[in-house]
Amino acid sequence: MPWRGLGHIFTANGQRAWMQSHCSMPFAEPLTGTYCRIWFTTRNKNNHSHVAWLEIDLREPGKILALSQRPALAPGFPSTFDELGVMGSWIVKKGTQNWHYYVGWSDGGAKPFHVAIGLATQNGNQLCRLSSLPILDRSAADPYFVSTPCVIKIGASWHLWYLSGTGWSTTPPAKARYKIAHATSKDGVIWKPDTNTRFEPTNEDETACARPSVIFEKGVFHMWFSVRGDTSPYRMAYAESSDGQQWSRKDNEVAFKNSPGKWENEMRAYPHVFDQAGSRWMVTAGNGFGRGGMGLAILENS
């Protein structure tokens, strides 16, 4: 069943002083009926990223009902793992509270950047860091960096799929390379990487796999994600698994029925797939890693 694009939602272009560009890593939080809050990452004039949100009616996705007046989460203190920027990635309901798994940016030294995964709790429209330290960073299992977490809880077990850096391209400018890895937890905070599960790119034009979005349904794990090459932009990909560890690629099942809009005609990236009001939806970032804005699609016959 193909996806049908419903068009552009929003482009950040100076609506706030800290919201000068980009709508990266959108995550849809269903509210009531067809109303939805979308969390996204935007950048200020210094290219430092902040977490923001807006609200829409899925029936009229281009009409913004509310937009955050201030960042829900801003860069951290100097010398912390998120001092240069924060990027929202995933939300999990923990009791009555929302846990926000996010990415922190810091100076990469000889390389363009370093990223690690942090956790924040939600208080109204604001996010509060669980700690000034990341909950997952580079290690023997992930020696370069970790990013773009997707977290789901099945029974008593927590599962994390995330981007694991594999190195950098050898020709300048340096391009990060990464694959999708898996980790487990008993509490959603302390994670044990699964070193046997590494979702590798499938060909030379895929040097990076990013932002997994996983749904567990009727005994099957469904993953939507982004892939790119060193010289090719992100495009959509899809895979299925019976155990969440070994995956089969089925990219043809993430085809779009209609032509892309101008805001996404070079890149579709960072999908988040969610169910609401009896349908399955997808929010994505567009050209330039979200500089073109973000948009909405619906699964046909869903």
C-alpha atoms as a PDB file:
ATOM      1  CA  MET A   1       0.000   0.000   0.000  1.00  0.00           C
ATOM      2  CA  PRO A   2       1.515   3.336  -1.028  1.00  0.00           C
ATOM      3  CA  TRP A   3       1.800   6.499   0.987  1.00  0.00           C
ATOM      4  CA  ARG A   4       0.025   9.631  -0.188  1.00  0.00           C
ATOM      5  CA  GLY A   5       1.688  12.943   0.558  1.00  0.00           C
ATOM      6  CA  LEU A   6      -0.671  15.496   2.127  1.00  0.00           C
ATOM      7  CA  GLY A   7       1.661  18.401   1.647  1.00  0.00           C
ATOM      8  CA  HIS A   8       3.786  20.821   3.567  1.00  0.00           C
ATOM      9  CA  ILE A   9       3.149  21.618   7.240  1.00  0.00           C
ATOM     10  CA  PHE A  10       5.665  24.238   8.275  1.00  0.00           C
ATOM     11  CA  THR A  11       9.024  25.841   7.470  1.00  0.00           C
ATOM     12  CA  ALA A  12      11.121  27.578  10.124  1.00  0.00           C
ATOM     13  CA  ASN A  13      12.227  30.936   8.761  1.00  0.00           C
ATOM     14  CA  GLY A  14      12.536  33.378  11.635  1.00  0.00           C
ATOM     15  CA  GLN A  15       9.203  33.007  13.456  1.00  0.00           C
ATOM     16  CA  ARG A  16      11.244  33.206  16.669  1.00  0.00           C
ATOM     17  CA  ALA A  17      14.768  34.520  17.286  1.00  0.00           C
ATOM     18  CA  TRP A  18      15.929  30.955  17.963  1.00  0.00           C
ATOM     19  CA  MET A  19      13.886  29.523  15.047  1.00  0.00           C
ATOM     20  CA  GLN A  20      15.764  30.744  11.979  1.00  0.00           C
ATOM     21  CA  SER A  21      15.888  27.551   9.905  1.00  0.00           C
ATOM     22  CA  HIS A  22      15.237  23.801   9.739  1.00  0.00           C
ATOM     23  CA  CYS A  23      12.465  21.458  10.858  1.00  0.00           C
ATOM     24  CA  SER A  24      14.499  18.327  11.532  1.00  0.00           C
ATOM     25  CA  MET A  25      13.555  15.092  13.309  1.00  0.00           C
ATOM     26  CA  PRO A  26       9.767  15.623  13.529  1.00  0.00           C
ATOM     27  CA  PHE A  27       7.891  13.494  16.060  1.00  0.00           C
ATOM     28  CA  ALA A  28       4.093  13.451  16.151  1.00  0.00           C
ATOM     29  CA  GLU A  29       2.320  13.212  19.509  1.00  0.00           C
ATOM     30  CA  PRO A  30      -1.392  12.399  19.049  1.00  0.00           C
ATOM     31  CA  LEU A  31      -3.722  14.524  21.138  1.00  0.00           C
ATOM     32  CA  THR A  32      -7.532  14.210  20.918  1.00  0.00           C
ATOM     33  CA  GLY A  33      -9.455  13.328  17.754  1.00  0.00           C
ATOM     34  CA  THR A  34      -7.387  14.470  14.791  1.00  0.00           C
ATOM     35  CA  TYR A  35      -5.436  17.079  16.738  1.00  0.00           C
ATOM     36  CA  CYS A  36      -1.713  16.466  16.936  1.00  0.00           C
ATOM     37  CA  ARG A  37       1.357  18.065  18.436  1.00  0.00           C
ATOM     38  CA  ILE A  38       4.537  17.792  16.370  1.00  0.00           C
ATOM     39  CA  TRP A  39       7.883  18.202  18.084  1.00  0.00           C
ATOM     40  CA  PHE A  40      10.763  19.214  15.826  1.00  0.00           C
ATOM     41  CA  THR A  41      14.288  20.602  15.888  1.00  0.00           C
ATOM     42  CA  THR A  42      15.113  24.058  14.618  1.00  0.00           C
ATOM     43  CA  ARG A  43      18.275  26.183  14.508  1.00  0.00           C
ATOM     44  CA  ASN A  44      19.233  29.717  15.490  1.00  0.00           C
ATOM     45  CA  LYS A  45      21.464  32.094  13.518  1.00  0.00           C
ATOM     46  CA  ASN A  46      24.559  30.365  14.936  1.00  0.00           C
ATOM     47  CA  ASN A  47      23.339  26.982  13.650  1.00  0.00           C
ATOM     48  CA  HIS A  48      22.714  25.729  17.191  1.00  0.00           C
ATOM     49  CA  SER A  49      19.685  23.466  17.404  1.00  0.00           C
ATOM     50  CA  HIS A  50      16.704  23.782  19.771  1.00  0.00           C
ATOM     51  CA  VAL A  51      13.622  21.606  20.349  1.00  0.00           C
ATOM     52  CA  ALA A  52      10.287  23.206  19.431  1.00  0.00           C
ATOM     53  CA  TRP A  53       6.682  22.126  18.897  1.00  0.00           C
ATOM     54  CA  LEU A  54       3.553  23.081  16.998  1.00  0.00           C
ATOM     55  CA  GLU A  55      -0.029  21.824  16.886  1.00  0.00           C
ATOM     56  CA  ILE A  56      -2.188  20.982  13.864  1.00  0.00           C
ATOM     57  CA  ASP A  57      -5.378  19.244  12.867  1.00  0.00           C
ATOM     58  CA  LEU A  58      -4.401  16.292  10.654  1.00  0.00           C
ATOM     59  CA  ARG A  59      -7.322  17.171   8.386  1.00  0.00           C
ATOM     60  CA  GLU A  60      -5.716  20.595   7.678  1.00  0.00           C
ATOM     61  CA  PRO A  61      -1.987  20.014   8.157  1.00  0.00           C
ATOM     62  CA  GLY A  62      -0.907  23.341   6.707  1.00  0.00           C
ATOM     63  CA  LYS A  63      -2.876  25.353   9.289  1.00  0.00           C
ATOM     64  CA  ILE A  64      -0.785  25.937  12.422  1.00  0.00           C
ATOM     65  CA  LEU A  65      -2.970  26.093  15.531  1.00  0.00           C
ATOM     66  CA  ALA A  66      -0.186  26.785  18.043  1.00  0.00           C
ATOM     67  CA  LEU A  67       3.576  27.308  17.938  1.00  0.00           C
ATOM     68  CA  SER A  68       6.000  27.262  20.870  1.00  0.00           C
ATOM     69  CA  GLN A  69       6.954  30.725  22.077  1.00  0.00           C
ATOM     70  CA  ARG A  70      10.255  29.560  23.555  1.00  0.00           C
ATOM     71  CA  PRO A  71      12.429  26.479  23.123  1.00  0.00           C
ATOM     72  CA  ALA A  72      11.144  23.385  24.877  1.00  0.00           C
ATOM     73  CA  LEU A  73      14.814  22.444  25.234  1.00  0.00           C
ATOM     74  CA  ALA A  74      17.860  24.612  24.505  1.00  0.00           C
ATOM     75  CA  PRO A  75      21.586  23.822  24.272  1.00  0.00           C
ATOM     76  CA  GLY A  76      23.269  22.853  27.532  1.00  0.00           C
ATOM     77  CA  PHE A  77      25.953  24.485  29.631  1.00  0.00           C
ATOM     78  CA  PRO A  78      29.539  24.847  28.324  1.00  0.00           C
ATOM     79  CA  SER A  79      31.524  21.605  28.284  1.00  0.00           C
ATOM     80  CA  THR A  80      28.426  19.403  28.567  1.00  0.00           C
ATOM     81  CA  PHE A  81      27.590  16.780  25.916  1.00  0.00           C
ATOM     82  CA  ASP A  82      24.831  19.003  24.454  1.00  0.00           C
ATOM     83  CA  GLU A  83      26.478  22.417  24.687  1.00  0.00           C
ATOM     84  CA  LEU A  84      26.199  23.145  20.940  1.00  0.00           C
ATOM     85  CA  GLY A  85      22.669  21.922  20.342  1.00  0.00           C
ATOM     86  CA  VAL A  86      19.843  19.543  21.175  1.00  0.00           C
ATOM     87  CA  MET A  87      17.777  17.524  18.724  1.00  0.00           C
ATOM     88  CA  GLY A  88      14.554  15.764  19.753  1.00  0.00           C
ATOM     89  CA  SER A  89      14.092  12.226  18.478  1.00  0.00           C
ATOM     90  CA  TRP A  90      11.562  10.088  20.374  1.00  0.00           C
ATOM     91  CA  ILE A  91       8.873  10.242  23.070  1.00  0.00           C
ATOM     92  CA  VAL A  92       7.780   7.389  25.335  1.00  0.00           C
ATOM     93  CA  LYS A  93       4.893   7.529  27.802  1.00  0.00           C
ATOM     94  CA  LYS A  94       6.232   6.544  31.257  1.00  0.00           C
ATOM     95  CA  GLY A  95       3.240   6.404  33.596  1.00  0.00           C
ATOM     96  CA  THR A  96       1.621   9.829  33.294  1.00  0.00           C
ATOM     97  CA  GLN A  97       4.818  11.466  32.083  1.00  0.00           C
ATOM     98  CA  ASN A  98       6.428  11.896  28.674  1.00  0.00           C
ATOM     99  CA  TRP A  99      10.061  10.879  28.406  1.00  0.00           C
ATOM    100  CA  HIS A 100      11.898  12.633  25.579  1.00  0.00           C
ATOM    101  CA  TYR A 101      14.951  10.899  24.148  1.00  0.00           C
ATOM    102  CA  TYR A 102      17.114  13.472  22.416  1.00  0.00           C
ATOM    103  CA  VAL A 103      20.505  14.004  20.797  1.00  0.00           C
ATOM    104  CA  GLY A 104      23.148  16.328  22.198  1.00  0.00           C
ATOM    105  CA  TRP A 105      25.728  18.028  19.978  1.00  0.00           C
ATOM    106  CA  SER A 106      29.251  18.994  21.040  1.00  0.00           C
ATOM    107  CA  ASP A 107      32.609  19.859  19.461  1.00  0.00           C
ATOM    108  CA  GLY A 108      34.052  16.922  17.562  1.00  0.00           C
ATOM    109  CA  GLY A 109      37.652  18.122  17.735  1.00  0.00           C
ATOM    110  CA  ALA A 110      39.324  16.998  14.520  1.00  0.00           C
ATOM    111  CA  LYS A 111      35.923  15.941  13.142  1.00  0.00           C
ATOM    112  CA  PRO A 112      32.908  18.218  12.462  1.00  0.00           C
ATOM    113  CA  PHE A 113      30.878  17.144  15.516  1.00  0.00           C
ATOM    114  CA  HIS A 114      30.217  14.637  18.266  1.00  0.00           C
ATOM    115  CA  VAL A 115      26.730  13.445  19.263  1.00  0.00           C
ATOM    116  CA  ALA A 116      25.345  11.364  22.133  1.00  0.00           C
ATOM    117  CA  ILE A 117      21.880  10.466  23.468  1.00  0.00           C
ATOM    118  CA  GLY A 118      20.234  12.192  26.424  1.00  0.00           C
ATOM    119  CA  LEU A 119      16.907  11.943  28.254  1.00  0.00           C
ATOM    120  CA  ALA A 120      14.537  14.656  29.419  1.00  0.00           C
ATOM    121  CA  THR A 121      11.150  14.671  31.127  1.00  0.00           C
ATOM    122  CA  GLN A 122       8.267  16.898  30.102  1.00  0.00           C
ATOM    123  CA  ASN A 123       6.760  19.501  32.416  1.00  0.00           C
ATOM    124  CA  GLY A 124       3.930  21.255  30.586  1.00  0.00           C
ATOM    125  CA  ASN A 125       5.488  22.651  27.399  1.00  0.00           C
ATOM    126  CA  GLN A 126       9.052  22.492  28.706  1.00  0.00           C
ATOM    127  CA  LEU A 127      11.592  19.691  28.937  1.00  0.00           C
ATOM    128  CA  CYS A 128      13.850  19.055  31.916  1.00  0.00           C
ATOM    129  CA  ARG A 129      17.079  17.083  31.532  1.00  0.00           C
ATOM    130  CA  LEU A 130      17.259  13.903  33.569  1.00  0.00           C
ATOM    131  CA  SER A 131      21.012  14.505  33.884  1.00  0.00           C
ATOM    132  CA  SER A 132      23.776  16.678  32.479  1.00  0.00           C
ATOM    133  CA  LEU A 133      25.314  13.422  31.249  1.00  0.00           C
ATOM    134  CA  PRO A 134      24.153  11.342  28.276  1.00  0.00           C
ATOM    135  CA  ILE A 135      22.406   8.009  28.857  1.00  0.00           C
ATOM    136  CA  LEU A 136      24.238   6.500  25.869  1.00  0.00           C
ATOM    137  CA  ASP A 137      27.545   7.639  24.409  1.00  0.00           C
ATOM    138  CA  ARG A 138      30.423   6.135  22.466  1.00  0.00           C
ATOM    139  CA  SER A 139      31.770   2.916  23.918  1.00  0.00           C
ATOM    140  CA  ALA A 140      33.499  -0.293  22.892  1.00  0.00           C
ATOM    141  CA  ALA A 141      30.275  -1.231  21.076  1.00  0.00           C
ATOM    142  CA  ASP A 142      29.862   2.210  19.484  1.00  0.00           C
ATOM    143  CA  PRO A 143      33.353   3.759  19.275  1.00  0.00           C
ATOM    144  CA  TYR A 144      32.503   6.876  17.248  1.00  0.00           C
ATOM    145  CA  PHE A 145      29.111   8.337  18.262  1.00  0.00           C
ATOM    146  CA  VAL A 146      25.439   7.480  18.790  1.00  0.00           C
ATOM    147  CA  SER A 147      22.329   9.384  17.711  1.00  0.00           C
ATOM    148  CA  THR A 148      18.638   9.399  16.588  1.00  0.00           C
ATOM    149  CA  PRO A 149      17.112   7.034  19.172  1.00  0.00           C
ATOM    150  CA  CYS A 150      13.811   5.178  18.742  1.00  0.00           C
ATOM    151  CA  VAL A 151      12.493   3.582  21.952  1.00  0.00           C
ATOM    152  CA  ILE A 152       9.573   1.211  22.522  1.00  0.00           C
ATOM    153  CA  LYS A 153       8.574  -0.892  25.522  1.00  0.00           C
ATOM    154  CA  ILE A 154       7.274  -4.447  25.006  1.00  0.00           C
ATOM    155  CA  GLY A 155       6.161  -6.101  28.209  1.00  0.00           C
ATOM    156  CA  ALA A 156       8.884  -5.535  30.785  1.00  0.00           C
ATOM    157  CA  SER A 157      11.609  -5.008  28.149  1.00  0.00           C
ATOM    158  CA  TRP A 158      12.739  -1.705  26.669  1.00  0.00           C
ATOM    159  CA  HIS A 159      14.183  -1.651  23.146  1.00  0.00           C
ATOM    160  CA  LEU A 160      16.325   1.066  21.593  1.00  0.00           C
ATOM    161  CA  TRP A 161      17.244   1.343  17.938  1.00  0.00           C
ATOM    162  CA  TYR A 162      19.760   4.061  17.246  1.00  0.00           C
ATOM    163  CA  LEU A 163      22.358   5.381  14.855  1.00  0.00           C
ATOM    164  CA  SER A 164      25.863   4.037  15.548  1.00  0.00           C
ATOM    165  CA  GLY A 165      28.780   5.782  13.909  1.00  0.00           C
ATOM    166  CA  THR A 166      31.145   3.623  11.865  1.00  0.00           C
ATOM    167  CA  GLY A 167      33.650   6.339  10.962  1.00  0.00           C
ATOM    168  CA  TRP A 168      34.122   9.177   8.511  1.00  0.00           C
ATOM    169  CA  SER A 169      34.690   9.415   4.778  1.00  0.00           C
ATOM    170  CA  THR A 170      38.339   9.670   3.769  1.00  0.00           C
ATOM    171  CA  THR A 171      37.874  12.489   1.255  1.00  0.00           C
ATOM    172  CA  PRO A 172      37.126  16.043   2.439  1.00  0.00           C
ATOM    173  CA  PRO A 173      34.808  17.382   3.539  1.00  0.00           C
ATOM    174  CA  ALA A 174      34.451  14.625   6.131  1.00  0.00           C
ATOM    175  CA  LYS A 175      31.078  12.868   5.982  1.00  0.00           C
ATOM    176  CA  ALA A 176      29.881  10.788   8.916  1.00  0.00           C
ATOM    177  CA  ARG A 177      29.070   7.139   8.237  1.00  0.00           C
ATOM    178  CA  TYR A 178      26.716   5.112  10.405  1.00  0.00           C
ATOM    179  CA  LYS A 179      24.422   2.125  10.715  1.00  0.00           C
ATOM    180  CA  ILE A 180      21.443   1.243  12.930  1.00  0.00           C
ATOM    181  CA  ALA A 181      22.156  -0.635  16.147  1.00  0.00           C
ATOM    182  CA  HIS A 182      20.012  -2.116  18.927  1.00  0.00           C
ATOM    183  CA  ALA A 183      20.150  -2.007  22.733  1.00  0.00           C
ATOM    184  CA  THR A 184      17.965  -3.255  25.578  1.00  0.00           C
ATOM    185  CA  SER A 185      17.108  -1.964  29.033  1.00  0.00           C
ATOM    186  CA  LYS A 186      15.108  -2.820  32.129  1.00  0.00           C
ATOM    187  CA  ASP A 187      14.240   0.782  32.985  1.00  0.00           C
ATOM    188  CA  GLY A 188      14.662   2.905  29.839  1.00  0.00           C
ATOM    189  CA  VAL A 189      17.680   4.688  31.326  1.00  0.00           C
ATOM    190  CA  ILE A 190      20.554   2.202  31.565  1.00  0.00           C
ATOM    191  CA  TRP A 191      21.129   0.522  28.201  1.00  0.00           C
ATOM    192  CA  LYS A 192      23.054  -2.564  27.111  1.00  0.00           C
ATOM    193  CA  PRO A 193      24.093  -2.461  23.430  1.00  0.00           C
ATOM    194  CA  ASP A 194      23.367  -5.619  21.461  1.00  0.00           C
ATOM    195  CA  THR A 195      26.659  -6.149  19.668  1.00  0.00           C
ATOM    196  CA  ASN A 196      25.222  -8.919  17.500  1.00  0.00           C
ATOM    197  CA  THR A 197      22.631  -6.651  15.880  1.00  0.00           C
ATOM    198  CA  ARG A 198      23.966  -4.073  13.447  1.00  0.00           C
ATOM    199  CA  PHE A 199      21.720  -2.937  10.611  1.00  0.00           C
ATOM    200  CA  GLU A 200      24.263  -2.458   7.825  1.00  0.00           C
ATOM    201  CA  PRO A 201      23.863  -0.435   4.603  1.00  0.00           C
ATOM    202  CA  THR A 202      23.199  -2.740   1.660  1.00  0.00           C
ATOM    203  CA  ASN A 203      25.312  -1.226  -1.130  1.00  0.00           C
ATOM    204  CA  GLU A 204      28.004   1.349  -1.938  1.00  0.00           C
ATOM    205  CA  ASP A 205      25.407   4.110  -2.278  1.00  0.00           C
ATOM    206  CA  GLU A 206      24.320   3.575   1.331  1.00  0.00           C
ATOM    207  CA  THR A 207      26.977   4.760   3.724  1.00  0.00           C
ATOM    208  CA  ALA A 208      24.501   5.940   6.374  1.00  0.00           C
ATOM    209  CA  CYS A 209      21.230   4.651   7.875  1.00  0.00           C
ATOM    210  CA  ALA A 210      19.449   7.025  10.274  1.00  0.00           C
ATOM    211  CA  ARG A 211      16.384   7.846  12.378  1.00  0.00           C
ATOM    212  CA  PRO A 212      14.631   4.492  12.724  1.00  0.00           C
ATOM    213  CA  SER A 213      10.891   4.648  13.423  1.00  0.00           C
ATOM    214  CA  VAL A 214       9.666   1.279  14.704  1.00  0.00           C
ATOM    215  CA  ILE A 215       6.152  -0.067  15.275  1.00  0.00           C
ATOM    216  CA  PHE A 216       5.558  -3.526  16.769  1.00  0.00           C
ATOM    217  CA  GLU A 217       2.321  -4.963  15.389  1.00  0.00           C
ATOM    218  CA  LYS A 218       0.928  -8.511  15.369  1.00  0.00           C
ATOM    219  CA  GLY A 219       4.293 -10.043  16.177  1.00  0.00           C
ATOM    220  CA  VAL A 220       6.180  -8.108  13.494  1.00  0.00           C
ATOM    221  CA  PHE A 221       8.569  -5.172  13.890  1.00  0.00           C
ATOM    222  CA  HIS A 222       8.152  -2.551  11.153  1.00  0.00           C
ATOM    223  CA  MET A 223      10.956  -0.014  10.661  1.00  0.00           C
ATOM    224  CA  TRP A 224      10.901   3.113   8.520  1.00  0.00           C
ATOM    225  CA  PHE A 225      14.211   4.973   8.270  1.00  0.00           C
ATOM    226  CA  SER A 226      16.449   7.165   6.088  1.00  0.00           C
ATOM    227  CA  VAL A 227      19.441   6.104   3.990  1.00  0.00           C
ATOM    228  CA  ARG A 228      22.023   8.188   2.126  1.00  0.00           C
ATOM    229  CA  GLY A 229      25.405   7.921   0.479  1.00  0.00           C
ATOM    230  CA  ASP A 230      28.479  10.122   0.777  1.00  0.00           C
ATOM    231  CA  THR A 231      27.293  12.115  -2.251  1.00  0.00           C
ATOM    232  CA  SER A 232      23.578  11.231  -2.412  1.00  0.00           C
ATOM    233  CA  PRO A 233      20.826  12.762  -0.233  1.00  0.00           C
ATOM    234  CA  TYR A 234      18.578  10.943   2.213  1.00  0.00           C
ATOM    235  CA  ARG A 235      15.755   8.814   0.856  1.00  0.00           C
ATOM    236  CA  MET A 236      13.165   6.631   2.573  1.00  0.00           C
ATOM    237  CA  ALA A 237      13.658   2.934   3.356  1.00  0.00           C
ATOM    238  CA  TYR A 238      11.685   0.205   5.109  1.00  0.00           C
ATOM    239  CA  ALA A 239      12.401  -3.165   6.751  1.00  0.00           C
ATOM    240  CA  GLU A 240      10.616  -5.881   8.740  1.00  0.00           C
ATOM    241  CA  SER A 241      11.729  -8.257  11.481  1.00  0.00           C
ATOM    242  CA  SER A 242      10.247 -11.010  13.609  1.00  0.00           C
ATOM    243  CA  ASP A 243      12.620 -10.415  16.539  1.00  0.00           C
ATOM    244  CA  GLY A 244      13.722  -6.763  16.241  1.00  0.00           C
ATOM    245  CA  GLN A 245      17.289  -7.876  15.527  1.00  0.00           C
ATOM    246  CA  GLN A 246      17.466  -9.471  12.065  1.00  0.00           C
ATOM    247  CA  TRP A 247      15.821  -7.318   9.413  1.00  0.00           C
ATOM    248  CA  SER A 248      14.646  -7.801   5.814  1.00  0.00           C
ATOM    249  CA  ARG A 249      14.639  -4.760   3.541  1.00  0.00           C
ATOM    250  CA  LYS A 250      11.388  -4.060   1.670  1.00  0.00           C
ATOM    251  CA  ASP A 251      11.932  -0.530   0.384  1.00  0.00           C
ATOM    252  CA  ASN A 252       9.223  -0.835  -2.272  1.00  0.00           C
ATOM    253  CA  GLU A 253       6.647  -0.722   0.526  1.00  0.00           C
ATOM    254  CA  VAL A 254       7.525   2.865   1.351  1.00  0.00           C
ATOM    255  CA  ALA A 255       6.677   4.211  -2.103  1.00  0.00           C
ATOM    256  CA  PHE A 256       4.782   7.499  -2.418  1.00  0.00           C
ATOM    257  CA  LYS A 257       1.741   7.729  -4.675  1.00  0.00           C
ATOM    258  CA  ASN A 258       2.100  11.370  -5.685  1.00  0.00           C
ATOM    259  CA  SER A 259       5.042  13.508  -6.750  1.00  0.00           C
ATOM    260  CA  PRO A 260       7.047  15.282  -4.047  1.00  0.00           C
ATOM    261  CA  GLY A 261       6.455  18.945  -3.355  1.00  0.00           C
ATOM    262  CA  LYS A 262       9.133  21.551  -4.007  1.00  0.00           C
ATOM    263  CA  TRP A 263      10.115  21.530  -0.334  1.00  0.00           C
ATOM    264  CA  GLU A 264      10.975  17.776  -0.479  1.00  0.00           C
ATOM    265  CA  ASN A 265      11.920  17.173  -4.118  1.00  0.00           C
ATOM    266  CA  GLU A 266      15.592  16.600  -3.254  1.00  0.00           C
ATOM    267  CA  MET A 267      15.293  14.827   0.083  1.00  0.00           C
ATOM    268  CA  ARG A 268      12.792  12.988   2.283  1.00  0.00           C
ATOM    269  CA  ALA A 269      14.305  12.249   5.669  1.00  0.00           C
ATOM    270  CA  TYR A 270      13.814  11.447   9.351  1.00  0.00           C
ATOM    271  CA  PRO A 271      10.406   9.720   9.227  1.00  0.00           C
ATOM    272  CA  HIS A 272       8.168   9.263  12.227  1.00  0.00           C
ATOM    273  CA  VAL A 273       5.260   6.853  11.640  1.00  0.00           C
ATOM    274  CA  PHE A 274       2.289   6.917  14.009  1.00  0.00           C
ATOM    275  CA  ASP A 275      -1.338   5.817  14.278  1.00  0.00           C
ATOM    276  CA  GLN A 276      -4.161   8.231  15.027  1.00  0.00           C
ATOM    277  CA  ALA A 277      -7.870   8.559  14.246  1.00  0.00           C
ATOM    278  CA  GLY A 278      -7.990   5.142  12.559  1.00  0.00           C
ATOM    279  CA  SER A 279      -5.192   5.857  10.060  1.00  0.00           C
ATOM    280  CA  ARG A 280      -1.429   5.497   9.810  1.00  0.00           C
ATOM    281  CA  TRP A 281       0.515   8.708   9.233  1.00  0.00           C
ATOM    282  CA  MET A 282       4.074   9.766   8.576  1.00  0.00           C
ATOM    283  CA  VAL A 283       5.784  13.092   9.263  1.00  0.00           C
ATOM    284  CA  THR A 284       9.041  13.765   7.421  1.00  0.00           C
ATOM    285  CA  ALA A 285      11.657  16.469   7.001  1.00  0.00           C
ATOM    286  CA  GLY A 286      12.365  17.858   3.553  1.00  0.00           C
ATOM    287  CA  ASN A 287      15.260  19.254   1.533  1.00  0.00           C
ATOM    288  CA  GLY A 288      18.490  20.193   3.251  1.00  0.00           C
ATOM    289  CA  PHE A 289      17.965  18.010   6.338  1.00  0.00           C
ATOM    290  CA  GLY A 290      14.748  19.872   7.073  1.00  0.00           C
ATOM    291  CA  ARG A 291      15.700  23.330   5.853  1.00  0.00           C
ATOM    292  CA  GLY A 292      12.838  22.983   3.364  1.00  0.00           C
ATOM    293  CA  GLY A 293      10.393  22.298   6.194  1.00  0.00           C
ATOM    294  CA  MET A 294       8.352  19.262   7.172  1.00  0.00           C
ATOM    295  CA  GLY A 295       5.260  17.562   5.834  1.00  0.00           C
ATOM    296  CA  LEU A 296       2.639  14.868   6.348  1.00  0.00           C
ATOM    297  CA  ALA A 297       1.662  11.678   4.510  1.00  0.00           C
ATOM    298  CA  ILE A 298      -1.015   9.037   5.053  1.00  0.00           C
ATOM    299  CA  LEU A 299      -0.915   5.325   4.296  1.00  0.00           C
ATOM    300  CA  GLU A 300      -3.496   4.557   1.617  1.00  0.00           C
ATOM    301  CA  ASN A 301      -6.326   2.215   2.650  1.00  0.00           C
ATOM    302  CA  SER A 302      -5.208   2.439   6.271  1.00  0.00           C
END
